[in-house]
mmCIF file of all heavy atoms, coordinates in Angstrom:
data_MODEL
# 
_entry.id   MODEL 
# 
loop_
_atom_site.group_PDB 
_atom_site.id 
_atom_site.type_symbol 
_atom_site.label_atom_id 
_atom_site.label_alt_id 
_atom_site.label_comp_id 
_atom_site.label_asym_id 
_atom_site.label_entity_id 
_atom_site.label_seq_id 
_atom_site.pdbx_PDB_ins_code 
_atom_site.Cartn_x 
_atom_site.Cartn_y 
_atom_site.Cartn_z 
_atom_site.occupancy 
_atom_site.B_iso_or_equiv 
_atom_site.pdbx_formal_charge 
_atom_site.auth_seq_id 
_atom_site.auth_comp_id 
_atom_site.auth_asym_id 
_atom_site.auth_atom_id 
_atom_site.pdbx_PDB_model_num 
ATOM 1   N N   . SER A 1 1  ? 110.504 87.092  75.505 1.00 0.00 ? 1  SER A N   1 
ATOM 2   C CA  . SER A 1 1  ? 109.607 87.578  76.640 1.00 0.00 ? 1  SER A CA  1 
ATOM 3   C C   . SER A 1 1  ? 109.237 89.035  76.338 1.00 0.00 ? 1  SER A C   1 
ATOM 4   O O   . SER A 1 1  ? 108.039 89.495  76.490 1.00 0.00 ? 1  SER A O   1 
ATOM 5   C CB  . SER A 1 1  ? 110.243 87.359  77.952 1.00 0.00 ? 1  SER A CB  1 
ATOM 6   O OG  . SER A 1 1  ? 109.443 87.982  79.012 1.00 0.00 ? 1  SER A OG  1 
ATOM 7   N N   . GLN A 1 2  ? 110.155 89.838  76.108 1.00 0.00 ? 2  GLN A N   1 
ATOM 8   C CA  . GLN A 1 2  ? 109.969 91.297  75.853 1.00 0.00 ? 2  GLN A CA  1 
ATOM 9   C C   . GLN A 1 2  ? 109.030 91.522  74.641 1.00 0.00 ? 2  GLN A C   1 
ATOM 10  O O   . GLN A 1 2  ? 108.122 92.317  74.771 1.00 0.00 ? 2  GLN A O   1 
ATOM 11  C CB  . GLN A 1 2  ? 111.251 92.042  75.634 1.00 0.00 ? 2  GLN A CB  1 
ATOM 12  C CG  . GLN A 1 2  ? 112.188 92.289  76.840 1.00 0.00 ? 2  GLN A CG  1 
ATOM 13  C CD  . GLN A 1 2  ? 113.515 92.843  76.486 1.00 0.00 ? 2  GLN A CD  1 
ATOM 14  O OE1 . GLN A 1 2  ? 114.099 92.468  75.469 1.00 0.00 ? 2  GLN A OE1 1 
ATOM 15  N NE2 . GLN A 1 2  ? 114.000 93.759  77.305 1.00 0.00 ? 2  GLN A NE2 1 
ATOM 16  N N   . LEU A 1 3  ? 109.259 90.760  73.604 1.00 0.00 ? 3  LEU A N   1 
ATOM 17  C CA  . LEU A 1 3  ? 108.464 90.863  72.477 1.00 0.00 ? 3  LEU A CA  1 
ATOM 18  C C   . LEU A 1 3  ? 106.975 90.433  72.747 1.00 0.00 ? 3  LEU A C   1 
ATOM 19  O O   . LEU A 1 3  ? 106.029 91.122  72.338 1.00 0.00 ? 3  LEU A O   1 
ATOM 20  C CB  . LEU A 1 3  ? 109.019 90.057  71.266 1.00 0.00 ? 3  LEU A CB  1 
ATOM 21  C CG  . LEU A 1 3  ? 108.270 90.139  69.973 1.00 0.00 ? 3  LEU A CG  1 
ATOM 22  C CD1 . LEU A 1 3  ? 108.180 91.588  69.457 1.00 0.00 ? 3  LEU A CD1 1 
ATOM 23  C CD2 . LEU A 1 3  ? 108.952 89.224  68.863 1.00 0.00 ? 3  LEU A CD2 1 
ATOM 24  N N   . SER A 1 4  ? 106.951 89.338  73.320 1.00 0.00 ? 4  SER A N   1 
ATOM 25  C CA  . SER A 1 4  ? 105.552 88.780  73.772 1.00 0.00 ? 4  SER A CA  1 
ATOM 26  C C   . SER A 1 4  ? 104.790 89.760  74.556 1.00 0.00 ? 4  SER A C   1 
ATOM 27  O O   . SER A 1 4  ? 103.613 90.100  74.362 1.00 0.00 ? 4  SER A O   1 
ATOM 28  C CB  . SER A 1 4  ? 105.724 87.455  74.430 1.00 0.00 ? 4  SER A CB  1 
ATOM 29  O OG  . SER A 1 4  ? 104.374 86.953  74.854 1.00 0.00 ? 4  SER A OG  1 
ATOM 30  N N   . ARG A 1 5  ? 105.411 90.354  75.583 1.00 0.00 ? 5  ARG A N   1 
ATOM 31  C CA  . ARG A 1 5  ? 104.757 91.369  76.485 1.00 0.00 ? 5  ARG A CA  1 
ATOM 32  C C   . ARG A 1 5  ? 104.350 92.574  75.654 1.00 0.00 ? 5  ARG A C   1 
ATOM 33  O O   . ARG A 1 5  ? 103.333 93.170  75.825 1.00 0.00 ? 5  ARG A O   1 
ATOM 34  C CB  . ARG A 1 5  ? 105.626 91.721  77.631 1.00 0.00 ? 5  ARG A CB  1 
ATOM 35  C CG  . ARG A 1 5  ? 105.757 90.658  78.702 1.00 0.00 ? 5  ARG A CG  1 
ATOM 36  C CD  . ARG A 1 5  ? 106.430 91.161  79.969 1.00 0.00 ? 5  ARG A CD  1 
ATOM 37  N NE  . ARG A 1 5  ? 107.597 91.948  79.872 1.00 0.00 ? 5  ARG A NE  1 
ATOM 38  C CZ  . ARG A 1 5  ? 108.872 91.534  79.886 1.00 0.00 ? 5  ARG A CZ  1 
ATOM 39  N NH1 . ARG A 1 5  ? 109.120 90.260  80.095 1.00 0.00 ? 5  ARG A NH1 1 
ATOM 40  N NH2 . ARG A 1 5  ? 109.857 92.455  79.760 1.00 0.00 ? 5  ARG A NH2 1 
ATOM 41  N N   . SER A 1 6  ? 105.268 93.047  74.871 1.00 0.00 ? 6  SER A N   1 
ATOM 42  C CA  . SER A 1 6  ? 104.973 94.213  73.999 1.00 0.00 ? 6  SER A CA  1 
ATOM 43  C C   . SER A 1 6  ? 103.881 93.984  73.056 1.00 0.00 ? 6  SER A C   1 
ATOM 44  O O   . SER A 1 6  ? 102.901 94.900  72.924 1.00 0.00 ? 6  SER A O   1 
ATOM 45  C CB  . SER A 1 6  ? 106.300 94.565  73.197 1.00 0.00 ? 6  SER A CB  1 
ATOM 46  O OG  . SER A 1 6  ? 107.321 94.866  74.015 1.00 0.00 ? 6  SER A OG  1 
ATOM 47  N N   . LEU A 1 7  ? 103.789 92.866  72.324 1.00 0.00 ? 7  LEU A N   1 
ATOM 48  C CA  . LEU A 1 7  ? 102.725 92.560  71.332 1.00 0.00 ? 7  LEU A CA  1 
ATOM 49  C C   . LEU A 1 7  ? 101.355 92.370  72.150 1.00 0.00 ? 7  LEU A C   1 
ATOM 50  O O   . LEU A 1 7  ? 100.339 92.831  71.659 1.00 0.00 ? 7  LEU A O   1 
ATOM 51  C CB  . LEU A 1 7  ? 103.052 91.300  70.559 1.00 0.00 ? 7  LEU A CB  1 
ATOM 52  C CG  . LEU A 1 7  ? 104.227 91.470  69.750 1.00 0.00 ? 7  LEU A CG  1 
ATOM 53  C CD1 . LEU A 1 7  ? 104.470 90.210  68.834 1.00 0.00 ? 7  LEU A CD1 1 
ATOM 54  C CD2 . LEU A 1 7  ? 104.142 92.696  68.733 1.00 0.00 ? 7  LEU A CD2 1 
ATOM 55  N N   . ASP A 1 8  ? 101.438 91.749  73.321 1.00 0.00 ? 8  ASP A N   1 
ATOM 56  C CA  . ASP A 1 8  ? 100.274 91.674  74.162 1.00 0.00 ? 8  ASP A CA  1 
ATOM 57  C C   . ASP A 1 8  ? 99.683  92.975  74.572 1.00 0.00 ? 8  ASP A C   1 
ATOM 58  O O   . ASP A 1 8  ? 98.512  93.247  74.552 1.00 0.00 ? 8  ASP A O   1 
ATOM 59  C CB  . ASP A 1 8  ? 100.508 90.712  75.399 1.00 0.00 ? 8  ASP A CB  1 
ATOM 60  C CG  . ASP A 1 8  ? 100.675 89.345  75.115 1.00 0.00 ? 8  ASP A CG  1 
ATOM 61  O OD1 . ASP A 1 8  ? 100.379 88.842  73.973 1.00 0.00 ? 8  ASP A OD1 1 
ATOM 62  O OD2 . ASP A 1 8  ? 101.187 88.525  75.941 1.00 0.00 ? 8  ASP A OD2 1 
ATOM 63  N N   . TYR A 1 9  ? 100.666 93.894  74.999 1.00 0.00 ? 9  TYR A N   1 
ATOM 64  C CA  . TYR A 1 9  ? 100.253 95.220  75.341 1.00 0.00 ? 9  TYR A CA  1 
ATOM 65  C C   . TYR A 1 9  ? 99.625  95.918  74.151 1.00 0.00 ? 9  TYR A C   1 
ATOM 66  O O   . TYR A 1 9  ? 98.580  96.607  74.341 1.00 0.00 ? 9  TYR A O   1 
ATOM 67  C CB  . TYR A 1 9  ? 101.490 95.996  75.860 1.00 0.00 ? 9  TYR A CB  1 
ATOM 68  C CG  . TYR A 1 9  ? 101.094 97.437  76.295 1.00 0.00 ? 9  TYR A CG  1 
ATOM 69  C CD1 . TYR A 1 9  ? 100.701 97.733  77.582 1.00 0.00 ? 9  TYR A CD1 1 
ATOM 70  C CD2 . TYR A 1 9  ? 101.165 98.478  75.424 1.00 0.00 ? 9  TYR A CD2 1 
ATOM 71  C CE1 . TYR A 1 9  ? 100.334 98.935  77.940 1.00 0.00 ? 9  TYR A CE1 1 
ATOM 72  C CE2 . TYR A 1 9  ? 100.859 99.778  75.832 1.00 0.00 ? 9  TYR A CE2 1 
ATOM 73  C CZ  . TYR A 1 9  ? 100.451 100.002 77.074 1.00 0.00 ? 9  TYR A CZ  1 
ATOM 74  O OH  . TYR A 1 9  ? 100.046 101.283 77.506 1.00 0.00 ? 9  TYR A OH  1 
ATOM 75  N N   . ILE A 1 10 ? 100.172 95.874  73.054 1.00 0.00 ? 10 ILE A N   1 
ATOM 76  C CA  . ILE A 1 10 ? 99.638  96.473  71.839 1.00 0.00 ? 10 ILE A CA  1 
ATOM 77  C C   . ILE A 1 10 ? 98.298  95.961  71.593 1.00 0.00 ? 10 ILE A C   1 
ATOM 78  O O   . ILE A 1 10 ? 97.298  96.740  71.361 1.00 0.00 ? 10 ILE A O   1 
ATOM 79  C CB  . ILE A 1 10 ? 100.531 96.306  70.628 1.00 0.00 ? 10 ILE A CB  1 
ATOM 80  C CG1 . ILE A 1 10 ? 101.821 97.114  70.761 1.00 0.00 ? 10 ILE A CG1 1 
ATOM 81  C CG2 . ILE A 1 10 ? 99.811  96.680  69.354 1.00 0.00 ? 10 ILE A CG2 1 
ATOM 82  C CD1 . ILE A 1 10 ? 102.927 96.784  69.741 1.00 0.00 ? 10 ILE A CD1 1 
ATOM 83  N N   . GLU A 1 11 ? 98.005  94.702  71.525 1.00 0.00 ? 11 GLU A N   1 
ATOM 84  C CA  . GLU A 1 11 ? 96.759  94.074  71.270 1.00 0.00 ? 11 GLU A CA  1 
ATOM 85  C C   . GLU A 1 11 ? 95.757  94.532  72.322 1.00 0.00 ? 11 GLU A C   1 
ATOM 86  O O   . GLU A 1 11 ? 94.611  94.922  72.016 1.00 0.00 ? 11 GLU A O   1 
ATOM 87  C CB  . GLU A 1 11 ? 96.882  92.573  71.319 1.00 0.00 ? 11 GLU A CB  1 
ATOM 88  C CG  . GLU A 1 11 ? 95.576  91.910  70.866 1.00 0.00 ? 11 GLU A CG  1 
ATOM 89  C CD  . GLU A 1 11 ? 95.102  92.134  69.509 1.00 0.00 ? 11 GLU A CD  1 
ATOM 90  O OE1 . GLU A 1 11 ? 95.912  92.427  68.627 1.00 0.00 ? 11 GLU A OE1 1 
ATOM 91  O OE2 . GLU A 1 11 ? 93.852  92.185  69.322 1.00 0.00 ? 11 GLU A OE2 1 
ATOM 92  N N   . ALA A 1 12 ? 96.115  94.595  73.560 1.00 0.00 ? 12 ALA A N   1 
ATOM 93  C CA  . ALA A 1 12 ? 95.122  94.980  74.652 1.00 0.00 ? 12 ALA A CA  1 
ATOM 94  C C   . ALA A 1 12 ? 94.814  96.428  74.532 1.00 0.00 ? 12 ALA A C   1 
ATOM 95  O O   . ALA A 1 12 ? 93.723  96.813  75.043 1.00 0.00 ? 12 ALA A O   1 
ATOM 96  C CB  . ALA A 1 12 ? 95.748  94.676  75.992 1.00 0.00 ? 12 ALA A CB  1 
ATOM 97  N N   . ASN A 1 13 ? 95.706  97.316  73.980 1.00 0.00 ? 13 ASN A N   1 
ATOM 98  C CA  . ASN A 1 13 ? 95.446  98.732  73.971 1.00 0.00 ? 13 ASN A CA  1 
ATOM 99  C C   . ASN A 1 13 ? 95.361  99.251  72.576 1.00 0.00 ? 13 ASN A C   1 
ATOM 100 O O   . ASN A 1 13 ? 95.493  100.447 72.300 1.00 0.00 ? 13 ASN A O   1 
ATOM 101 C CB  . ASN A 1 13 ? 96.713  99.402  74.665 1.00 0.00 ? 13 ASN A CB  1 
ATOM 102 C CG  . ASN A 1 13 ? 96.671  99.118  76.053 1.00 0.00 ? 13 ASN A CG  1 
ATOM 103 O OD1 . ASN A 1 13 ? 95.903  99.715  76.919 1.00 0.00 ? 13 ASN A OD1 1 
ATOM 104 N ND2 . ASN A 1 13 ? 97.520  98.278  76.495 1.00 0.00 ? 13 ASN A ND2 1 
ATOM 105 N N   . LEU A 1 14 ? 94.964  98.427  71.617 1.00 0.00 ? 14 LEU A N   1 
ATOM 106 C CA  . LEU A 1 14 ? 94.934  98.765  70.250 1.00 0.00 ? 14 LEU A CA  1 
ATOM 107 C C   . LEU A 1 14 ? 93.930  99.940  69.921 1.00 0.00 ? 14 LEU A C   1 
ATOM 108 O O   . LEU A 1 14 ? 94.169  100.793 69.119 1.00 0.00 ? 14 LEU A O   1 
ATOM 109 C CB  . LEU A 1 14 ? 94.470  97.572  69.333 1.00 0.00 ? 14 LEU A CB  1 
ATOM 110 C CG  . LEU A 1 14 ? 94.819  97.670  67.819 1.00 0.00 ? 14 LEU A CG  1 
ATOM 111 C CD1 . LEU A 1 14 ? 96.285  97.902  67.642 1.00 0.00 ? 14 LEU A CD1 1 
ATOM 112 C CD2 . LEU A 1 14 ? 94.390  96.412  67.184 1.00 0.00 ? 14 LEU A CD2 1 
ATOM 113 N N   . LEU A 1 15 ? 92.821  100.089 70.733 1.00 0.00 ? 15 LEU A N   1 
ATOM 114 C CA  . LEU A 1 15 ? 91.844  101.116 70.560 1.00 0.00 ? 15 LEU A CA  1 
ATOM 115 C C   . LEU A 1 15 ? 92.244  102.384 71.229 1.00 0.00 ? 15 LEU A C   1 
ATOM 116 O O   . LEU A 1 15 ? 91.669  103.356 71.022 1.00 0.00 ? 15 LEU A O   1 
ATOM 117 C CB  . LEU A 1 15 ? 90.530  100.638 71.125 1.00 0.00 ? 15 LEU A CB  1 
ATOM 118 C CG  . LEU A 1 15 ? 89.925  99.426  70.398 1.00 0.00 ? 15 LEU A CG  1 
ATOM 119 C CD1 . LEU A 1 15 ? 88.572  99.063  70.974 1.00 0.00 ? 15 LEU A CD1 1 
ATOM 120 C CD2 . LEU A 1 15 ? 89.805  99.598  68.905 1.00 0.00 ? 15 LEU A CD2 1 
ATOM 121 N N   . ASN A 1 16 ? 93.318  102.351 72.043 1.00 0.00 ? 16 ASN A N   1 
ATOM 122 C CA  . ASN A 1 16 ? 93.833  103.505 72.736 1.00 0.00 ? 16 ASN A CA  1 
ATOM 123 C C   . ASN A 1 16 ? 94.982  104.135 72.051 1.00 0.00 ? 16 ASN A C   1 
ATOM 124 O O   . ASN A 1 16 ? 95.534  103.518 71.082 1.00 0.00 ? 16 ASN A O   1 
ATOM 125 C CB  . ASN A 1 16 ? 94.195  103.112 74.153 1.00 0.00 ? 16 ASN A CB  1 
ATOM 126 C CG  . ASN A 1 16 ? 93.030  102.460 74.944 1.00 0.00 ? 16 ASN A CG  1 
ATOM 127 O OD1 . ASN A 1 16 ? 91.896  102.910 74.815 1.00 0.00 ? 16 ASN A OD1 1 
ATOM 128 N ND2 . ASN A 1 16 ? 93.325  101.489 75.622 1.00 0.00 ? 16 ASN A ND2 1 
ATOM 129 N N   . ASN A 1 17 ? 95.473  105.230 72.623 1.00 0.00 ? 17 ASN A N   1 
ATOM 130 C CA  . ASN A 1 17 ? 96.724  105.757 72.153 1.00 0.00 ? 17 ASN A CA  1 
ATOM 131 C C   . ASN A 1 17 ? 97.896  105.033 72.690 1.00 0.00 ? 17 ASN A C   1 
ATOM 132 O O   . ASN A 1 17 ? 98.212  105.192 73.865 1.00 0.00 ? 17 ASN A O   1 
ATOM 133 C CB  . ASN A 1 17 ? 96.791  107.271 72.499 1.00 0.00 ? 17 ASN A CB  1 
ATOM 134 C CG  . ASN A 1 17 ? 95.971  108.082 71.550 1.00 0.00 ? 17 ASN A CG  1 
ATOM 135 O OD1 . ASN A 1 17 ? 95.633  107.761 70.465 1.00 0.00 ? 17 ASN A OD1 1 
ATOM 136 N ND2 . ASN A 1 17 ? 95.559  109.209 72.035 1.00 0.00 ? 17 ASN A ND2 1 
ATOM 137 N N   . VAL A 1 18 ? 98.529  104.151 71.934 1.00 0.00 ? 18 VAL A N   1 
ATOM 138 C CA  . VAL A 1 18 ? 99.639  103.349 72.447 1.00 0.00 ? 18 VAL A CA  1 
ATOM 139 C C   . VAL A 1 18 ? 100.843 104.357 72.362 1.00 0.00 ? 18 VAL A C   1 
ATOM 140 O O   . VAL A 1 18 ? 101.094 105.073 71.338 1.00 0.00 ? 18 VAL A O   1 
ATOM 141 C CB  . VAL A 1 18 ? 99.882  102.165 71.482 1.00 0.00 ? 18 VAL A CB  1 
ATOM 142 C CG1 . VAL A 1 18 ? 101.177 101.473 71.932 1.00 0.00 ? 18 VAL A CG1 1 
ATOM 143 C CG2 . VAL A 1 18 ? 98.745  101.188 71.493 1.00 0.00 ? 18 VAL A CG2 1 
ATOM 144 N N   . ARG A 1 19 ? 101.549 104.555 73.485 1.00 0.00 ? 19 ARG A N   1 
ATOM 145 C CA  . ARG A 1 19 ? 102.645 105.437 73.560 1.00 0.00 ? 19 ARG A CA  1 
ATOM 146 C C   . ARG A 1 19 ? 103.922 104.710 73.652 1.00 0.00 ? 19 ARG A C   1 
ATOM 147 O O   . ARG A 1 19 ? 104.057 103.605 74.171 1.00 0.00 ? 19 ARG A O   1 
ATOM 148 C CB  . ARG A 1 19 ? 102.547 106.277 74.885 1.00 0.00 ? 19 ARG A CB  1 
ATOM 149 C CG  . ARG A 1 19 ? 101.195 106.906 75.155 1.00 0.00 ? 19 ARG A CG  1 
ATOM 150 C CD  . ARG A 1 19 ? 100.842 108.020 74.200 1.00 0.00 ? 19 ARG A CD  1 
ATOM 151 N NE  . ARG A 1 19 ? 101.763 109.070 74.110 1.00 0.00 ? 19 ARG A NE  1 
ATOM 152 C CZ  . ARG A 1 19 ? 101.498 110.270 74.395 1.00 0.00 ? 19 ARG A CZ  1 
ATOM 153 N NH1 . ARG A 1 19 ? 100.249 110.712 74.577 1.00 0.00 ? 19 ARG A NH1 1 
ATOM 154 N NH2 . ARG A 1 19 ? 102.341 111.322 74.383 1.00 0.00 ? 19 ARG A NH2 1 
ATOM 155 N N   . LEU A 1 20 ? 104.967 105.246 72.977 1.00 0.00 ? 20 LEU A N   1 
ATOM 156 C CA  . LEU A 1 20 ? 106.322 104.683 72.958 1.00 0.00 ? 20 LEU A CA  1 
ATOM 157 C C   . LEU A 1 20 ? 106.878 104.417 74.253 1.00 0.00 ? 20 LEU A C   1 
ATOM 158 O O   . LEU A 1 20 ? 107.381 103.404 74.598 1.00 0.00 ? 20 LEU A O   1 
ATOM 159 C CB  . LEU A 1 20 ? 107.259 105.547 72.042 1.00 0.00 ? 20 LEU A CB  1 
ATOM 160 C CG  . LEU A 1 20 ? 108.617 104.938 71.811 1.00 0.00 ? 20 LEU A CG  1 
ATOM 161 C CD1 . LEU A 1 20 ? 108.545 103.641 71.035 1.00 0.00 ? 20 LEU A CD1 1 
ATOM 162 C CD2 . LEU A 1 20 ? 109.395 105.917 71.018 1.00 0.00 ? 20 LEU A CD2 1 
ATOM 163 N N   . HIS A 1 21 ? 106.688 105.382 75.198 1.00 0.00 ? 21 HIS A N   1 
ATOM 164 C CA  . HIS A 1 21 ? 107.193 105.288 76.504 1.00 0.00 ? 21 HIS A CA  1 
ATOM 165 C C   . HIS A 1 21 ? 106.513 104.140 77.267 1.00 0.00 ? 21 HIS A C   1 
ATOM 166 O O   . HIS A 1 21 ? 107.211 103.304 78.003 1.00 0.00 ? 21 HIS A O   1 
ATOM 167 C CB  . HIS A 1 21 ? 106.909 106.530 77.333 1.00 0.00 ? 21 HIS A CB  1 
ATOM 168 C CG  . HIS A 1 21 ? 107.360 106.506 78.756 1.00 0.00 ? 21 HIS A CG  1 
ATOM 169 N ND1 . HIS A 1 21 ? 108.575 105.953 79.171 1.00 0.00 ? 21 HIS A ND1 1 
ATOM 170 C CD2 . HIS A 1 21 ? 106.710 106.911 79.809 1.00 0.00 ? 21 HIS A CD2 1 
ATOM 171 C CE1 . HIS A 1 21 ? 108.636 106.068 80.522 1.00 0.00 ? 21 HIS A CE1 1 
ATOM 172 N NE2 . HIS A 1 21 ? 107.548 106.666 80.976 1.00 0.00 ? 21 HIS A NE2 1 
ATOM 173 N N   . ASP A 1 22 ? 105.272 103.874 77.108 1.00 0.00 ? 22 ASP A N   1 
ATOM 174 C CA  . ASP A 1 22 ? 104.575 102.792 77.647 1.00 0.00 ? 22 ASP A CA  1 
ATOM 175 C C   . ASP A 1 22 ? 105.022 101.460 77.192 1.00 0.00 ? 22 ASP A C   1 
ATOM 176 O O   . ASP A 1 22 ? 105.235 100.461 77.916 1.00 0.00 ? 22 ASP A O   1 
ATOM 177 C CB  . ASP A 1 22 ? 103.048 102.933 77.598 1.00 0.00 ? 22 ASP A CB  1 
ATOM 178 C CG  . ASP A 1 22 ? 102.542 104.139 78.223 1.00 0.00 ? 22 ASP A CG  1 
ATOM 179 O OD1 . ASP A 1 22 ? 103.133 104.602 79.225 1.00 0.00 ? 22 ASP A OD1 1 
ATOM 180 O OD2 . ASP A 1 22 ? 101.410 104.655 77.867 1.00 0.00 ? 22 ASP A OD2 1 
ATOM 181 N N   . LEU A 1 23 ? 105.245 101.331 75.932 1.00 0.00 ? 23 LEU A N   1 
ATOM 182 C CA  . LEU A 1 23 ? 105.748 100.086 75.331 1.00 0.00 ? 23 LEU A CA  1 
ATOM 183 C C   . LEU A 1 23 ? 107.190 99.815  75.802 1.00 0.00 ? 23 LEU A C   1 
ATOM 184 O O   . LEU A 1 23 ? 107.453 98.650  76.099 1.00 0.00 ? 23 LEU A O   1 
ATOM 185 C CB  . LEU A 1 23 ? 105.816 100.204 73.797 1.00 0.00 ? 23 LEU A CB  1 
ATOM 186 C CG  . LEU A 1 23 ? 104.471 99.983  73.074 1.00 0.00 ? 23 LEU A CG  1 
ATOM 187 C CD1 . LEU A 1 23 ? 104.637 100.380 71.593 1.00 0.00 ? 23 LEU A CD1 1 
ATOM 188 C CD2 . LEU A 1 23 ? 104.045 98.572  73.201 1.00 0.00 ? 23 LEU A CD2 1 
ATOM 189 N N   . ALA A 1 24 ? 107.986 100.810 75.891 1.00 0.00 ? 24 ALA A N   1 
ATOM 190 C CA  . ALA A 1 24 ? 109.399 100.659 76.332 1.00 0.00 ? 24 ALA A CA  1 
ATOM 191 C C   . ALA A 1 24 ? 109.319 100.159 77.793 1.00 0.00 ? 24 ALA A C   1 
ATOM 192 O O   . ALA A 1 24 ? 110.106 99.340  78.223 1.00 0.00 ? 24 ALA A O   1 
ATOM 193 C CB  . ALA A 1 24 ? 110.146 101.989 76.204 1.00 0.00 ? 24 ALA A CB  1 
ATOM 194 N N   . SER A 1 25 ? 108.392 100.734 78.647 1.00 0.00 ? 25 SER A N   1 
ATOM 195 C CA  . SER A 1 25 ? 108.329 100.310 79.988 1.00 0.00 ? 25 SER A CA  1 
ATOM 196 C C   . SER A 1 25 ? 107.898 98.822  80.077 1.00 0.00 ? 25 SER A C   1 
ATOM 197 O O   . SER A 1 25 ? 108.452 98.161  80.985 1.00 0.00 ? 25 SER A O   1 
ATOM 198 C CB  . SER A 1 25 ? 107.316 101.176 80.748 1.00 0.00 ? 25 SER A CB  1 
ATOM 199 O OG  . SER A 1 25 ? 107.771 102.456 80.868 1.00 0.00 ? 25 SER A OG  1 
ATOM 200 N N   . VAL A 1 26 ? 106.989 98.429  79.307 1.00 0.00 ? 26 VAL A N   1 
ATOM 201 C CA  . VAL A 1 26 ? 106.545 96.983  79.346 1.00 0.00 ? 26 VAL A CA  1 
ATOM 202 C C   . VAL A 1 26 ? 107.787 96.064  79.047 1.00 0.00 ? 26 VAL A C   1 
ATOM 203 O O   . VAL A 1 26 ? 107.928 95.058  79.644 1.00 0.00 ? 26 VAL A O   1 
ATOM 204 C CB  . VAL A 1 26 ? 105.476 96.804  78.269 1.00 0.00 ? 26 VAL A CB  1 
ATOM 205 C CG1 . VAL A 1 26 ? 105.203 95.298  77.974 1.00 0.00 ? 26 VAL A CG1 1 
ATOM 206 C CG2 . VAL A 1 26 ? 104.185 97.506  78.695 1.00 0.00 ? 26 VAL A CG2 1 
ATOM 207 N N   . ALA A 1 27 ? 108.688 96.546  78.178 1.00 0.00 ? 27 ALA A N   1 
ATOM 208 C CA  . ALA A 1 27 ? 109.842 95.739  77.784 1.00 0.00 ? 27 ALA A CA  1 
ATOM 209 C C   . ALA A 1 27 ? 111.044 96.024  78.753 1.00 0.00 ? 27 ALA A C   1 
ATOM 210 O O   . ALA A 1 27 ? 111.999 95.323  78.685 1.00 0.00 ? 27 ALA A O   1 
ATOM 211 C CB  . ALA A 1 27 ? 110.328 96.043  76.331 1.00 0.00 ? 27 ALA A CB  1 
ATOM 212 N N   . GLY A 1 28 ? 110.924 97.004  79.533 1.00 0.00 ? 28 GLY A N   1 
ATOM 213 C CA  . GLY A 1 28 ? 112.003 97.381  80.498 1.00 0.00 ? 28 GLY A CA  1 
ATOM 214 C C   . GLY A 1 28 ? 113.168 98.022  79.817 1.00 0.00 ? 28 GLY A C   1 
ATOM 215 O O   . GLY A 1 28 ? 114.360 97.833  80.285 1.00 0.00 ? 28 GLY A O   1 
ATOM 216 N N   . LEU A 1 29 ? 112.909 98.797  78.800 1.00 0.00 ? 29 LEU A N   1 
ATOM 217 C CA  . LEU A 1 29 ? 113.971 99.438  78.018 1.00 0.00 ? 29 LEU A CA  1 
ATOM 218 C C   . LEU A 1 29 ? 113.697 100.946 77.894 1.00 0.00 ? 29 LEU A C   1 
ATOM 219 O O   . LEU A 1 29 ? 112.635 101.414 78.160 1.00 0.00 ? 29 LEU A O   1 
ATOM 220 C CB  . LEU A 1 29 ? 114.168 98.796  76.579 1.00 0.00 ? 29 LEU A CB  1 
ATOM 221 C CG  . LEU A 1 29 ? 114.419 97.349  76.492 1.00 0.00 ? 29 LEU A CG  1 
ATOM 222 C CD1 . LEU A 1 29 ? 114.201 96.890  75.002 1.00 0.00 ? 29 LEU A CD1 1 
ATOM 223 C CD2 . LEU A 1 29 ? 115.789 97.063  76.917 1.00 0.00 ? 29 LEU A CD2 1 
# 
């Protein structure tokens, strides 16, 4: 579930500056 949410977030934000903090928040880590 964490991986799926993270990859979905990356795909949805690929044109933006993807931030490590935001990715970690999506996964709850």
